[in-house]
Amino acid sequence: MTADPSQPEVEPRYVSGPLMVGLVSLPAVFVWLLFRRGYSRSLRRIVLIYAFGPSLIALILIIALALLSSALR
């Protein structure tokens, strides 16, 4: 695969210390900073799963428990 000449080369970015602290403490807020050019797709995927995975699992469990409790009545 050849590089597209219309797209300038982008220097890869690395997660800095303050950004890492933000990602660990408030991932849903700081994850959006990783959508700037230069961060890898794999890093974005991992942080998105870390940020929103627990919320999605909790939502699925709440819905499942609500359906189960209504079915038992």
PDB file of N, CA and C in Angstrom:
ATOM      1  N   MET A   1       0.847  -1.167   0.000  1.00  0.00           N
ATOM      2  CA  MET A   1       0.000   0.000   0.000  1.00  0.00           C
ATOM      3  C   MET A   1       0.897   1.236   0.000  1.00  0.00           C
ATOM      4  N   THR A   2       0.593   2.174  -0.855  1.00  0.00           N
ATOM      5  CA  THR A   2       1.402   3.386  -0.942  1.00  0.00           C
ATOM      6  C   THR A   2       0.735   4.502  -0.159  1.00  0.00           C
ATOM      7  N   ALA A   3       1.549   5.409   0.272  1.00  0.00           N
ATOM      8  CA  ALA A   3       1.039   6.551   1.033  1.00  0.00           C
ATOM      9  C   ALA A   3       0.345   7.520   0.092  1.00  0.00           C
ATOM     10  N   ASP A   4      -0.709   8.121   0.561  1.00  0.00           N
ATOM     11  CA  ASP A   4      -1.453   9.100  -0.217  1.00  0.00           C
ATOM     12  C   ASP A   4      -0.678  10.421  -0.191  1.00  0.00           C
ATOM     13  N   PRO A   5      -0.255  10.919  -1.373  1.00  0.00           N
ATOM     14  CA  PRO A   5       0.541  12.154  -1.375  1.00  0.00           C
ATOM     15  C   PRO A   5      -0.240  13.385  -0.930  1.00  0.00           C
ATOM     16  N   SER A   6      -1.580  13.326  -0.980  1.00  0.00           N
ATOM     17  CA  SER A   6      -2.357  14.490  -0.551  1.00  0.00           C
ATOM     18  C   SER A   6      -2.442  14.589   0.974  1.00  0.00           C
ATOM     19  N   GLN A   7      -2.156  13.494   1.683  1.00  0.00           N
ATOM     20  CA  GLN A   7      -2.177  13.488   3.138  1.00  0.00           C
ATOM     21  C   GLN A   7      -0.760  13.679   3.676  1.00  0.00           C
ATOM     22  N   PRO A   8      -0.507  14.747   4.426  1.00  0.00           N
ATOM     23  CA  PRO A   8       0.834  14.929   4.980  1.00  0.00           C
ATOM     24  C   PRO A   8       1.115  13.881   6.061  1.00  0.00           C
ATOM     25  N   GLU A   9       2.372  13.525   6.195  1.00  0.00           N
ATOM     26  CA  GLU A   9       2.772  12.569   7.236  1.00  0.00           C
ATOM     27  C   GLU A   9       2.495  13.179   8.615  1.00  0.00           C
ATOM     28  N   VAL A  10       1.996  12.369   9.509  1.00  0.00           N
ATOM     29  CA  VAL A  10       1.671  12.827  10.860  1.00  0.00           C
ATOM     30  C   VAL A  10       2.612  12.122  11.821  1.00  0.00           C
ATOM     31  N   GLU A  11       3.231  12.905  12.670  1.00  0.00           N
ATOM     32  CA  GLU A  11       4.099  12.333  13.697  1.00  0.00           C
ATOM     33  C   GLU A  11       3.248  11.535  14.673  1.00  0.00           C
ATOM     34  N   PRO A  12       3.676  10.342  15.047  1.00  0.00           N
ATOM     35  CA  PRO A  12       2.894   9.592  16.043  1.00  0.00           C
ATOM     36  C   PRO A  12       2.951  10.287  17.396  1.00  0.00           C
ATOM     37  N   ARG A  13       1.812  10.317  18.057  1.00  0.00           N
ATOM     38  CA  ARG A  13       1.744  10.924  19.377  1.00  0.00           C
ATOM     39  C   ARG A  13       1.772   9.841  20.436  1.00  0.00           C
ATOM     40  N   TYR A  14       2.298  10.187  21.569  1.00  0.00           N
ATOM     41  CA  TYR A  14       2.346   9.282  22.707  1.00  0.00           C
ATOM     42  C   TYR A  14       1.571   9.908  23.850  1.00  0.00           C
ATOM     43  N   VAL A  15       1.024   9.085  24.698  1.00  0.00           N
ATOM     44  CA  VAL A  15       0.226   9.572  25.822  1.00  0.00           C
ATOM     45  C   VAL A  15       1.161  10.162  26.870  1.00  0.00           C
ATOM     46  N   SER A  16       0.924  11.430  27.198  1.00  0.00           N
ATOM     47  CA  SER A  16       1.745  12.099  28.206  1.00  0.00           C
ATOM     48  C   SER A  16       1.265  11.720  29.601  1.00  0.00           C
ATOM     49  N   GLY A  17       2.038  12.080  30.593  1.00  0.00           N
ATOM     50  CA  GLY A  17       1.697  11.787  31.976  1.00  0.00           C
ATOM     51  C   GLY A  17       0.373  12.387  32.418  1.00  0.00           C
ATOM     52  N   PRO A  18       0.173  13.692  32.215  1.00  0.00           N
ATOM     53  CA  PRO A  18      -1.099  14.287  32.626  1.00  0.00           C
ATOM     54  C   PRO A  18      -2.309  13.699  31.877  1.00  0.00           C
ATOM     55  N   LEU A  19      -2.134  13.388  30.601  1.00  0.00           N
ATOM     56  CA  LEU A  19      -3.230  12.776  29.853  1.00  0.00           C
ATOM     57  C   LEU A  19      -3.521  11.379  30.386  1.00  0.00           C
ATOM     58  N   MET A  20      -2.491  10.638  30.754  1.00  0.00           N
ATOM     59  CA  MET A  20      -2.684   9.300  31.320  1.00  0.00           C
ATOM     60  C   MET A  20      -3.457   9.381  32.640  1.00  0.00           C
ATOM     61  N   VAL A  21      -3.116  10.349  33.482  1.00  0.00           N
ATOM     62  CA  VAL A  21      -3.835  10.522  34.754  1.00  0.00           C
ATOM     63  C   VAL A  21      -5.298  10.849  34.471  1.00  0.00           C
ATOM     64  N   GLY A  22      -5.542  11.707  33.488  1.00  0.00           N
ATOM     65  CA  GLY A  22      -6.917  12.042  33.120  1.00  0.00           C
ATOM     66  C   GLY A  22      -7.667  10.847  32.573  1.00  0.00           C
ATOM     67  N   LEU A  23      -7.001  10.037  31.759  1.00  0.00           N
ATOM     68  CA  LEU A  23      -7.645   8.854  31.183  1.00  0.00           C
ATOM     69  C   LEU A  23      -7.992   7.826  32.243  1.00  0.00           C
ATOM     70  N   VAL A  24      -7.147   7.706  33.263  1.00  0.00           N
ATOM     71  CA  VAL A  24      -7.409   6.735  34.326  1.00  0.00           C
ATOM     72  C   VAL A  24      -8.495   7.248  35.265  1.00  0.00           C
ATOM     73  N   SER A  25      -8.480   8.546  35.580  1.00  0.00           N
ATOM     74  CA  SER A  25      -9.423   9.068  36.562  1.00  0.00           C
ATOM     75  C   SER A  25     -10.792   9.391  35.968  1.00  0.00           C
ATOM     76  N   LEU A  26     -10.840   9.992  34.803  1.00  0.00           N
ATOM     77  CA  LEU A  26     -12.102  10.346  34.142  1.00  0.00           C
ATOM     78  C   LEU A  26     -12.033   9.955  32.664  1.00  0.00           C
ATOM     79  N   PRO A  27     -12.070   8.666  32.371  1.00  0.00           N
ATOM     80  CA  PRO A  27     -11.843   8.229  30.996  1.00  0.00           C
ATOM     81  C   PRO A  27     -12.884   8.745  30.002  1.00  0.00           C
ATOM     82  N   ALA A  28     -14.150   8.856  30.408  1.00  0.00           N
ATOM     83  CA  ALA A  28     -15.183   9.303  29.478  1.00  0.00           C
ATOM     84  C   ALA A  28     -14.977  10.758  29.058  1.00  0.00           C
ATOM     85  N   VAL A  29     -14.283  11.532  29.869  1.00  0.00           N
ATOM     86  CA  VAL A  29     -14.022  12.937  29.541  1.00  0.00           C
ATOM     87  C   VAL A  29     -12.775  13.067  28.665  1.00  0.00           C
ATOM     88  N   PHE A  30     -11.711  12.367  29.031  1.00  0.00           N
ATOM     89  CA  PHE A  30     -10.430  12.552  28.369  1.00  0.00           C
ATOM     90  C   PHE A  30     -10.240  11.679  27.133  1.00  0.00           C
ATOM     91  N   VAL A  31     -11.112  10.693  26.912  1.00  0.00           N
ATOM     92  CA  VAL A  31     -10.954   9.816  25.753  1.00  0.00           C
ATOM     93  C   VAL A  31     -11.062  10.609  24.452  1.00  0.00           C
ATOM     94  N   TRP A  32     -11.807  11.690  24.453  1.00  0.00           N
ATOM     95  CA  TRP A  32     -12.016  12.451  23.225  1.00  0.00           C
ATOM     96  C   TRP A  32     -10.737  13.137  22.759  1.00  0.00           C
ATOM     97  N   LEU A  33      -9.790  13.338  23.652  1.00  0.00           N
ATOM     98  CA  LEU A  33      -8.514  13.938  23.245  1.00  0.00           C
ATOM     99  C   LEU A  33      -7.707  12.995  22.362  1.00  0.00           C
ATOM    100  N   LEU A  34      -7.988  11.703  22.445  1.00  0.00           N
ATOM    101  CA  LEU A  34      -7.245  10.730  21.637  1.00  0.00           C
ATOM    102  C   LEU A  34      -7.699  10.701  20.185  1.00  0.00           C
ATOM    103  N   PHE A  35      -8.768  11.411  19.852  1.00  0.00           N
ATOM    104  CA  PHE A  35      -9.226  11.444  18.466  1.00  0.00           C
ATOM    105  C   PHE A  35      -8.487  12.481  17.627  1.00  0.00           C
ATOM    106  N   ARG A  36      -7.524  13.152  18.229  1.00  0.00           N
ATOM    107  CA  ARG A  36      -6.675  14.043  17.448  1.00  0.00           C
ATOM    108  C   ARG A  36      -5.744  13.201  16.587  1.00  0.00           C
ATOM    109  N   ARG A  37      -5.249  13.783  15.535  1.00  0.00           N
ATOM    110  CA  ARG A  37      -4.371  13.051  14.622  1.00  0.00           C
ATOM    111  C   ARG A  37      -3.088  12.637  15.322  1.00  0.00           C
ATOM    112  N   GLY A  38      -2.649  11.418  15.016  1.00  0.00           N
ATOM    113  CA  GLY A  38      -1.379  10.953  15.536  1.00  0.00           C
ATOM    114  C   GLY A  38      -1.481   9.797  16.517  1.00  0.00           C
ATOM    115  N   TYR A  39      -2.632   9.644  17.180  1.00  0.00           N
ATOM    116  CA  TYR A  39      -2.805   8.533  18.106  1.00  0.00           C
ATOM    117  C   TYR A  39      -3.247   7.296  17.322  1.00  0.00           C
ATOM    118  N   SER A  40      -2.779   6.144  17.719  1.00  0.00           N
ATOM    119  CA  SER A  40      -3.077   4.915  16.982  1.00  0.00           C
ATOM    120  C   SER A  40      -4.514   4.452  17.219  1.00  0.00           C
ATOM    121  N   ARG A  41      -5.030   3.700  16.250  1.00  0.00           N
ATOM    122  CA  ARG A  41      -6.382   3.163  16.375  1.00  0.00           C
ATOM    123  C   ARG A  41      -6.486   2.184  17.531  1.00  0.00           C
ATOM    124  N   SER A  42      -5.457   1.389  17.727  1.00  0.00           N
ATOM    125  CA  SER A  42      -5.512   0.404  18.814  1.00  0.00           C
ATOM    126  C   SER A  42      -5.596   1.105  20.170  1.00  0.00           C
ATOM    127  N   LEU A  43      -4.872   2.201  20.348  1.00  0.00           N
ATOM    128  CA  LEU A  43      -4.947   2.961  21.599  1.00  0.00           C
ATOM    129  C   LEU A  43      -6.354   3.512  21.794  1.00  0.00           C
ATOM    130  N   ARG A  44      -6.941   4.041  20.727  1.00  0.00           N
ATOM    131  CA  ARG A  44      -8.299   4.582  20.816  1.00  0.00           C
ATOM    132  C   ARG A  44      -9.295   3.493  21.194  1.00  0.00           C
ATOM    133  N   ARG A  45      -9.182   2.326  20.574  1.00  0.00           N
ATOM    134  CA  ARG A  45     -10.103   1.228  20.873  1.00  0.00           C
ATOM    135  C   ARG A  45      -9.991   0.782  22.327  1.00  0.00           C
ATOM    136  N   ILE A  46      -8.770   0.618  22.798  1.00  0.00           N
ATOM    137  CA  ILE A  46      -8.553   0.163  24.172  1.00  0.00           C
ATOM    138  C   ILE A  46      -9.148   1.153  25.165  1.00  0.00           C
ATOM    139  N   VAL A  47      -8.912   2.430  24.951  1.00  0.00           N
ATOM    140  CA  VAL A  47      -9.405   3.439  25.893  1.00  0.00           C
ATOM    141  C   VAL A  47     -10.923   3.573  25.800  1.00  0.00           C
ATOM    142  N   LEU A  48     -11.495   3.439  24.607  1.00  0.00           N
ATOM    143  CA  LEU A  48     -12.954   3.479  24.484  1.00  0.00           C
ATOM    144  C   LEU A  48     -13.597   2.315  25.232  1.00  0.00           C
ATOM    145  N   ILE A  49     -13.007   1.130  25.116  1.00  0.00           N
ATOM    146  CA  ILE A  49     -13.531  -0.023  25.854  1.00  0.00           C
ATOM    147  C   ILE A  49     -13.391   0.202  27.350  1.00  0.00           C
ATOM    148  N   TYR A  50     -12.254   0.747  27.782  1.00  0.00           N
ATOM    149  CA  TYR A  50     -12.037   1.022  29.204  1.00  0.00           C
ATOM    150  C   TYR A  50     -13.018   2.088  29.705  1.00  0.00           C
ATOM    151  N   ALA A  51     -13.303   3.088  28.868  1.00  0.00           N
ATOM    152  CA  ALA A  51     -14.152   4.196  29.295  1.00  0.00           C
ATOM    153  C   ALA A  51     -15.624   3.819  29.330  1.00  0.00           C
ATOM    154  N   PHE A  52     -16.091   3.100  28.298  1.00  0.00           N
ATOM    155  CA  PHE A  52     -17.529   2.871  28.176  1.00  0.00           C
ATOM    156  C   PHE A  52     -17.947   1.420  28.376  1.00  0.00           C
ATOM    157  N   GLY A  53     -17.011   0.502  28.433  1.00  0.00           N
ATOM    158  CA  GLY A  53     -17.337  -0.907  28.629  1.00  0.00           C
ATOM    159  C   GLY A  53     -18.076  -1.185  29.918  1.00  0.00           C
ATOM    160  N   PRO A  54     -17.574  -0.736  31.065  1.00  0.00           N
ATOM    161  CA  PRO A  54     -18.289  -0.997  32.327  1.00  0.00           C
ATOM    162  C   PRO A  54     -19.702  -0.419  32.346  1.00  0.00           C
ATOM    163  N   SER A  55     -19.895   0.752  31.756  1.00  0.00           N
ATOM    164  CA  SER A  55     -21.236   1.346  31.714  1.00  0.00           C
ATOM    165  C   SER A  55     -22.175   0.507  30.863  1.00  0.00           C
ATOM    166  N   LEU A  56     -21.693   0.032  29.727  1.00  0.00           N
ATOM    167  CA  LEU A  56     -22.530  -0.799  28.864  1.00  0.00           C
ATOM    168  C   LEU A  56     -22.873  -2.127  29.526  1.00  0.00           C
ATOM    169  N   ILE A  57     -21.908  -2.721  30.200  1.00  0.00           N
ATOM    170  CA  ILE A  57     -22.167  -3.980  30.904  1.00  0.00           C
ATOM    171  C   ILE A  57     -23.184  -3.760  32.017  1.00  0.00           C
ATOM    172  N   ALA A  58     -23.038  -2.675  32.760  1.00  0.00           N
ATOM    173  CA  ALA A  58     -23.993  -2.372  33.831  1.00  0.00           C
ATOM    174  C   ALA A  58     -25.392  -2.149  33.265  1.00  0.00           C
ATOM    175  N   LEU A  59     -25.496  -1.451  32.157  1.00  0.00           N
ATOM    176  CA  LEU A  59     -26.799  -1.207  31.529  1.00  0.00           C
ATOM    177  C   LEU A  59     -27.439  -2.511  31.073  1.00  0.00           C
ATOM    178  N   ILE A  60     -26.661  -3.386  30.473  1.00  0.00           N
ATOM    179  CA  ILE A  60     -27.178  -4.684  30.033  1.00  0.00           C
ATOM    180  C   ILE A  60     -27.656  -5.500  31.231  1.00  0.00           C
ATOM    181  N   LEU A  61     -26.892  -5.496  32.316  1.00  0.00           N
ATOM    182  CA  LEU A  61     -27.291  -6.237  33.512  1.00  0.00           C
ATOM    183  C   LEU A  61     -28.563  -5.669  34.137  1.00  0.00           C
ATOM    184  N   ILE A  62     -28.701  -4.373  34.172  1.00  0.00           N
ATOM    185  CA  ILE A  62     -29.904  -3.744  34.727  1.00  0.00           C
ATOM    186  C   ILE A  62     -31.123  -4.124  33.897  1.00  0.00           C
ATOM    187  N   ILE A  63     -30.993  -4.080  32.582  1.00  0.00           N
ATOM    188  CA  ILE A  63     -32.109  -4.453  31.710  1.00  0.00           C
ATOM    189  C   ILE A  63     -32.457  -5.932  31.886  1.00  0.00           C
ATOM    190  N   ALA A  64     -31.425  -6.777  31.965  1.00  0.00           N
ATOM    191  CA  ALA A  64     -31.669  -8.212  32.137  1.00  0.00           C
ATOM    192  C   ALA A  64     -32.362  -8.491  33.464  1.00  0.00           C
ATOM    193  N   LEU A  65     -31.935  -7.837  34.529  1.00  0.00           N
ATOM    194  CA  LEU A  65     -32.562  -8.037  35.836  1.00  0.00           C
ATOM    195  C   LEU A  65     -34.000  -7.521  35.852  1.00  0.00           C
ATOM    196  N   ALA A  66     -34.256  -6.404  35.180  1.00  0.00           N
ATOM    197  CA  ALA A  66     -35.616  -5.876  35.115  1.00  0.00           C
ATOM    198  C   ALA A  66     -36.519  -6.832  34.350  1.00  0.00           C
ATOM    199  N   LEU A  67     -36.036  -7.384  33.253  1.00  0.00           N
ATOM    200  CA  LEU A  67     -36.834  -8.341  32.492  1.00  0.00           C
ATOM    201  C   LEU A  67     -37.061  -9.629  33.284  1.00  0.00           C
ATOM    202  N   LEU A  68     -36.053 -10.070  33.994  1.00  0.00           N
ATOM    203  CA  LEU A  68     -36.163 -11.286  34.794  1.00  0.00           C
ATOM    204  C   LEU A  68     -37.153 -11.092  35.941  1.00  0.00           C
ATOM    205  N   SER A  69     -37.081  -9.955  36.610  1.00  0.00           N
ATOM    206  CA  SER A  69     -37.995  -9.724  37.733  1.00  0.00           C
ATOM    207  C   SER A  69     -39.434  -9.564  37.250  1.00  0.00           C
ATOM    208  N   SER A  70     -39.640  -8.968  36.081  1.00  0.00           N
ATOM    209  CA  SER A  70     -41.009  -8.844  35.566  1.00  0.00           C
ATOM    210  C   SER A  70     -41.526 -10.196  35.082  1.00  0.00           C
ATOM    211  N   ALA A  71     -40.649 -11.076  34.621  1.00  0.00           N
ATOM    212  CA  ALA A  71     -41.068 -12.399  34.172  1.00  0.00           C
ATOM    213  C   ALA A  71     -41.427 -13.296  35.355  1.00  0.00           C
ATOM    214  N   LEU A  72     -40.827 -13.056  36.526  1.00  0.00           N
ATOM    215  CA  LEU A  72     -41.080 -13.882  37.707  1.00  0.00           C
ATOM    216  C   LEU A  72     -42.361 -13.477  38.439  1.00  0.00           C
ATOM    217  N   ARG A  73     -42.913 -12.339  38.122  1.00  0.00           N
ATOM    218  CA  ARG A  73     -44.124 -11.857  38.815  1.00  0.00           C
ATOM    219  C   ARG A  73     -45.357 -12.533  38.302  1.00  0.00           C
TER     220      ARG A  73
END
